[in-house]
């Protein structure tokens, strides 16, 4: 398990600014967080090196034609990490988590439509040895999705 990293107010400000605009230049970011451009660059690099943050582009799945969004709750009767690793190999699954509670694994599936989704369920997920049960939760509306951890 990785150790907890303590963030000061400047680190939090850097992360918060980059969460809003990830392509912000150091010249524009520096005055917003109260540092020189060089110090800002060093802080950003340190946050990345310590794996506190990463700078990525987040695509909108619905704009890419992936309008069928579903969470699948999965129970297993085999080694849960092995099955989670198999699920992670499926291209249509973008999120896999080993969980405690009603389901052993939660997997988020994005597909173009119900026909493609049925193929993922029947041809790719159900055949995995050790899956004993699954329950499908189709998204009707995505109300909130944020990536702003650690800035409050």
C-alpha atoms as a PDB file:
ATOM      1  CA  UNK A   1       0.000   0.000   0.000  1.00  0.00           C
ATOM      2  CA  UNK A   2       1.311   3.441  -0.857  1.00  0.00           C
ATOM      3  CA  UNK A   3       1.767   5.990   1.873  1.00  0.00           C
ATOM      4  CA  UNK A   4      -0.434   9.041   2.200  1.00  0.00           C
ATOM      5  CA  UNK A   5       1.016  12.239   0.780  1.00  0.00           C
ATOM      6  CA  UNK A   6       0.265  15.473   2.622  1.00  0.00           C
ATOM      7  CA  UNK A   7      -0.522  18.413   0.360  1.00  0.00           C
ATOM      8  CA  UNK A   8      -0.033  22.025   1.323  1.00  0.00           C
ATOM      9  CA  UNK A   9      -2.261  24.849   0.135  1.00  0.00           C
ATOM     10  CA  UNK A  10      -0.041  25.542  -2.898  1.00  0.00           C
ATOM     11  CA  UNK A  11      -0.135  21.895  -4.039  1.00  0.00           C
ATOM     12  CA  UNK A  12      -3.924  21.930  -3.701  1.00  0.00           C
ATOM     13  CA  UNK A  13      -4.149  25.174  -5.654  1.00  0.00           C
ATOM     14  CA  UNK A  14      -2.003  23.731  -8.462  1.00  0.00           C
ATOM     15  CA  UNK A  15      -4.156  20.616  -8.677  1.00  0.00           C
ATOM     16  CA  UNK A  16      -7.384  22.629  -8.577  1.00  0.00           C
ATOM     17  CA  UNK A  17      -6.227  24.927 -11.394  1.00  0.00           C
ATOM     18  CA  UNK A  18      -5.080  22.015 -13.577  1.00  0.00           C
ATOM     19  CA  UNK A  19      -8.365  20.180 -12.981  1.00  0.00           C
ATOM     20  CA  UNK A  20     -10.141  23.126 -14.575  1.00  0.00           C
ATOM     21  CA  UNK A  21      -7.640  23.632 -17.393  1.00  0.00           C
ATOM     22  CA  UNK A  22      -5.070  20.850 -17.763  1.00  0.00           C
ATOM     23  CA  UNK A  23      -3.241  22.597 -20.607  1.00  0.00           C
ATOM     24  CA  UNK A  24      -2.561  25.736 -18.569  1.00  0.00           C
ATOM     25  CA  UNK A  25       0.998  26.995 -19.173  1.00  0.00           C
ATOM     26  CA  UNK A  26       3.381  27.443 -16.260  1.00  0.00           C
ATOM     27  CA  UNK A  27       3.474  31.175 -17.069  1.00  0.00           C
ATOM     28  CA  UNK A  28      -0.292  31.419 -16.495  1.00  0.00           C
ATOM     29  CA  UNK A  29      -0.423  28.922 -13.632  1.00  0.00           C
ATOM     30  CA  UNK A  30       2.369  30.523 -11.558  1.00  0.00           C
ATOM     31  CA  UNK A  31       0.618  33.793 -10.637  1.00  0.00           C
ATOM     32  CA  UNK A  32      -2.595  31.924  -9.842  1.00  0.00           C
ATOM     33  CA  UNK A  33      -0.817  29.820  -7.209  1.00  0.00           C
ATOM     34  CA  UNK A  34       1.599  32.489  -5.966  1.00  0.00           C
ATOM     35  CA  UNK A  35       4.878  31.014  -7.224  1.00  0.00           C
ATOM     36  CA  UNK A  36       7.464  31.782  -9.869  1.00  0.00           C
ATOM     37  CA  UNK A  37       7.208  29.934 -13.160  1.00  0.00           C
ATOM     38  CA  UNK A  38      10.252  27.779 -12.295  1.00  0.00           C
ATOM     39  CA  UNK A  39       8.928  26.929  -8.829  1.00  0.00           C
ATOM     40  CA  UNK A  40       5.539  26.061 -10.317  1.00  0.00           C
ATOM     41  CA  UNK A  41       7.170  23.731 -12.860  1.00  0.00           C
ATOM     42  CA  UNK A  42       9.112  22.029 -10.051  1.00  0.00           C
ATOM     43  CA  UNK A  43       5.959  21.605  -7.936  1.00  0.00           C
ATOM     44  CA  UNK A  44       3.969  20.162 -10.841  1.00  0.00           C
ATOM     45  CA  UNK A  45       6.784  17.746 -11.704  1.00  0.00           C
ATOM     46  CA  UNK A  46       7.081  16.692  -8.056  1.00  0.00           C
ATOM     47  CA  UNK A  47       3.326  16.028  -7.834  1.00  0.00           C
ATOM     48  CA  UNK A  48       3.522  13.891 -10.973  1.00  0.00           C
ATOM     49  CA  UNK A  49       6.656  12.024  -9.836  1.00  0.00           C
ATOM     50  CA  UNK A  50       5.075  11.240  -6.447  1.00  0.00           C
ATOM     51  CA  UNK A  51       2.000   9.958  -8.338  1.00  0.00           C
ATOM     52  CA  UNK A  52      -0.242  12.458  -6.557  1.00  0.00           C
ATOM     53  CA  UNK A  53      -1.673  13.566  -9.896  1.00  0.00           C
ATOM     54  CA  UNK A  54      -1.453  12.959 -13.591  1.00  0.00           C
ATOM     55  CA  UNK A  55      -2.470  15.208 -16.409  1.00  0.00           C
ATOM     56  CA  UNK A  56      -4.771  13.499 -18.900  1.00  0.00           C
ATOM     57  CA  UNK A  57      -7.468  14.252 -21.405  1.00  0.00           C
ATOM     58  CA  UNK A  58     -10.906  12.890 -20.508  1.00  0.00           C
ATOM     59  CA  UNK A  59     -13.049  12.010 -23.500  1.00  0.00           C
ATOM     60  CA  UNK A  60     -16.832  12.319 -23.449  1.00  0.00           C
ATOM     61  CA  UNK A  61     -18.080   8.781 -24.220  1.00  0.00           C
ATOM     62  CA  UNK A  62     -21.479   9.906 -25.493  1.00  0.00           C
ATOM     63  CA  UNK A  63     -19.833  12.210 -28.057  1.00  0.00           C
ATOM     64  CA  UNK A  64     -17.839   9.182 -29.225  1.00  0.00           C
ATOM     65  CA  UNK A  65     -21.010   7.190 -29.839  1.00  0.00           C
ATOM     66  CA  UNK A  66     -20.868   5.197 -26.595  1.00  0.00           C
ATOM     67  CA  UNK A  67     -24.399   5.984 -25.475  1.00  0.00           C
ATOM     68  CA  UNK A  68     -25.110   2.722 -23.591  1.00  0.00           C
ATOM     69  CA  UNK A  69     -23.446   3.120 -20.184  1.00  0.00           C
ATOM     70  CA  UNK A  70     -23.818   0.412 -17.581  1.00  0.00           C
ATOM     71  CA  UNK A  71     -22.418  -0.682 -14.236  1.00  0.00           C
ATOM     72  CA  UNK A  72     -22.237  -4.448 -13.766  1.00  0.00           C
ATOM     73  CA  UNK A  73     -22.164  -5.928 -10.271  1.00  0.00           C
ATOM     74  CA  UNK A  74     -20.367  -9.273 -10.352  1.00  0.00           C
ATOM     75  CA  UNK A  75     -20.120 -12.103  -7.820  1.00  0.00           C
ATOM     76  CA  UNK A  76     -17.408 -14.716  -8.120  1.00  0.00           C
ATOM     77  CA  UNK A  77     -16.659 -18.132  -6.704  1.00  0.00           C
ATOM     78  CA  UNK A  78     -12.961 -18.024  -7.582  1.00  0.00           C
ATOM     79  CA  UNK A  79     -10.000 -15.732  -6.896  1.00  0.00           C
ATOM     80  CA  UNK A  80     -11.479 -12.257  -7.203  1.00  0.00           C
ATOM     81  CA  UNK A  81      -8.280 -10.534  -8.389  1.00  0.00           C
ATOM     82  CA  UNK A  82      -7.796 -13.047 -11.213  1.00  0.00           C
ATOM     83  CA  UNK A  83     -11.313 -12.398 -12.476  1.00  0.00           C
ATOM     84  CA  UNK A  84     -10.888  -8.631 -12.087  1.00  0.00           C
ATOM     85  CA  UNK A  85      -7.714  -8.859 -14.190  1.00  0.00           C
ATOM     86  CA  UNK A  86      -9.609 -10.754 -16.917  1.00  0.00           C
ATOM     87  CA  UNK A  87     -12.374  -8.172 -16.921  1.00  0.00           C
ATOM     88  CA  UNK A  88      -9.829  -5.364 -17.199  1.00  0.00           C
ATOM     89  CA  UNK A  89      -8.679  -6.814 -20.531  1.00  0.00           C
ATOM     90  CA  UNK A  90     -12.099  -6.218 -22.129  1.00  0.00           C
ATOM     91  CA  UNK A  91     -11.973  -3.047 -24.218  1.00  0.00           C
ATOM     92  CA  UNK A  92     -15.583  -2.015 -23.518  1.00  0.00           C
ATOM     93  CA  UNK A  93     -14.906  -2.016 -19.759  1.00  0.00           C
ATOM     94  CA  UNK A  94     -13.283   1.200 -18.579  1.00  0.00           C
ATOM     95  CA  UNK A  95     -13.476   0.717 -14.805  1.00  0.00           C
ATOM     96  CA  UNK A  96     -12.986  -2.378 -12.656  1.00  0.00           C
ATOM     97  CA  UNK A  97     -12.946  -2.336  -8.873  1.00  0.00           C
ATOM     98  CA  UNK A  98     -12.750  -5.147  -6.333  1.00  0.00           C
ATOM     99  CA  UNK A  99     -15.433  -4.301  -3.792  1.00  0.00           C
ATOM    100  CA  UNK A 100     -16.793  -5.328  -0.423  1.00  0.00           C
ATOM    101  CA  UNK A 101     -20.510  -5.748   0.053  1.00  0.00           C
ATOM    102  CA  UNK A 102     -23.164  -7.213  -2.196  1.00  0.00           C
ATOM    103  CA  UNK A 103     -20.810  -7.572  -5.201  1.00  0.00           C
ATOM    104  CA  UNK A 104     -17.234  -8.790  -5.385  1.00  0.00           C
ATOM    105  CA  UNK A 105     -16.457  -6.686  -8.457  1.00  0.00           C
ATOM    106  CA  UNK A 106     -17.967  -3.619 -10.108  1.00  0.00           C
ATOM    107  CA  UNK A 107     -17.270  -3.062 -13.793  1.00  0.00           C
ATOM    108  CA  UNK A 108     -18.356  -0.066 -15.860  1.00  0.00           C
ATOM    109  CA  UNK A 109     -19.202  -0.871 -19.484  1.00  0.00           C
ATOM    110  CA  UNK A 110     -19.533   1.636 -22.340  1.00  0.00           C
ATOM    111  CA  UNK A 111     -21.062   0.513 -25.649  1.00  0.00           C
ATOM    112  CA  UNK A 112     -22.691   2.094 -28.685  1.00  0.00           C
ATOM    113  CA  UNK A 113     -26.040   0.396 -28.080  1.00  0.00           C
ATOM    114  CA  UNK A 114     -27.859  -2.458 -26.358  1.00  0.00           C
ATOM    115  CA  UNK A 115     -26.899  -4.946 -29.094  1.00  0.00           C
ATOM    116  CA  UNK A 116     -23.190  -4.315 -28.579  1.00  0.00           C
ATOM    117  CA  UNK A 117     -23.703  -4.459 -24.815  1.00  0.00           C
ATOM    118  CA  UNK A 118     -25.428  -7.833 -25.073  1.00  0.00           C
ATOM    119  CA  UNK A 119     -22.397  -9.112 -26.982  1.00  0.00           C
ATOM    120  CA  UNK A 120     -20.034  -7.878 -24.269  1.00  0.00           C
ATOM    121  CA  UNK A 121     -22.112  -9.531 -21.547  1.00  0.00           C
ATOM    122  CA  UNK A 122     -22.791 -12.844 -23.305  1.00  0.00           C
ATOM    123  CA  UNK A 123     -19.583 -13.281 -25.299  1.00  0.00           C
ATOM    124  CA  UNK A 124     -16.926 -11.669 -23.095  1.00  0.00           C
ATOM    125  CA  UNK A 125     -18.047 -11.428 -19.456  1.00  0.00           C
ATOM    126  CA  UNK A 126     -20.266 -14.467 -18.784  1.00  0.00           C
ATOM    127  CA  UNK A 127     -17.758 -16.992 -20.229  1.00  0.00           C
ATOM    128  CA  UNK A 128     -15.091 -16.008 -17.659  1.00  0.00           C
ATOM    129  CA  UNK A 129     -14.648 -19.005 -15.374  1.00  0.00           C
ATOM    130  CA  UNK A 130     -15.462 -18.209 -11.771  1.00  0.00           C
ATOM    131  CA  UNK A 131     -18.214 -15.656 -12.362  1.00  0.00           C
ATOM    132  CA  UNK A 132     -21.235 -16.934 -10.457  1.00  0.00           C
ATOM    133  CA  UNK A 133     -23.687 -14.059 -10.844  1.00  0.00           C
ATOM    134  CA  UNK A 134     -23.990 -10.609 -12.325  1.00  0.00           C
ATOM    135  CA  UNK A 135     -26.470  -7.786 -12.090  1.00  0.00           C
ATOM    136  CA  UNK A 136     -26.781  -5.017 -14.653  1.00  0.00           C
ATOM    137  CA  UNK A 137     -27.423  -1.361 -13.795  1.00  0.00           C
ATOM    138  CA  UNK A 138     -28.074   0.662 -16.957  1.00  0.00           C
ATOM    139  CA  UNK A 139     -27.455   4.390 -16.582  1.00  0.00           C
ATOM    140  CA  UNK A 140     -30.479   6.523 -17.364  1.00  0.00           C
ATOM    141  CA  UNK A 141     -28.748   9.848 -16.704  1.00  0.00           C
ATOM    142  CA  UNK A 142     -25.252  10.747 -15.518  1.00  0.00           C
ATOM    143  CA  UNK A 143     -25.930  13.536 -13.038  1.00  0.00           C
ATOM    144  CA  UNK A 144     -22.435  14.142 -11.647  1.00  0.00           C
ATOM    145  CA  UNK A 145     -18.914  13.033 -12.455  1.00  0.00           C
ATOM    146  CA  UNK A 146     -15.928  14.855 -11.019  1.00  0.00           C
ATOM    147  CA  UNK A 147     -12.202  14.356 -10.666  1.00  0.00           C
ATOM    148  CA  UNK A 148     -11.438  16.894  -7.957  1.00  0.00           C
ATOM    149  CA  UNK A 149     -10.097  14.756  -5.122  1.00  0.00           C
ATOM    150  CA  UNK A 150      -7.545  16.278  -2.794  1.00  0.00           C
ATOM    151  CA  UNK A 151      -8.215  19.952  -3.424  1.00  0.00           C
ATOM    152  CA  UNK A 152     -10.667  20.745  -0.633  1.00  0.00           C
END
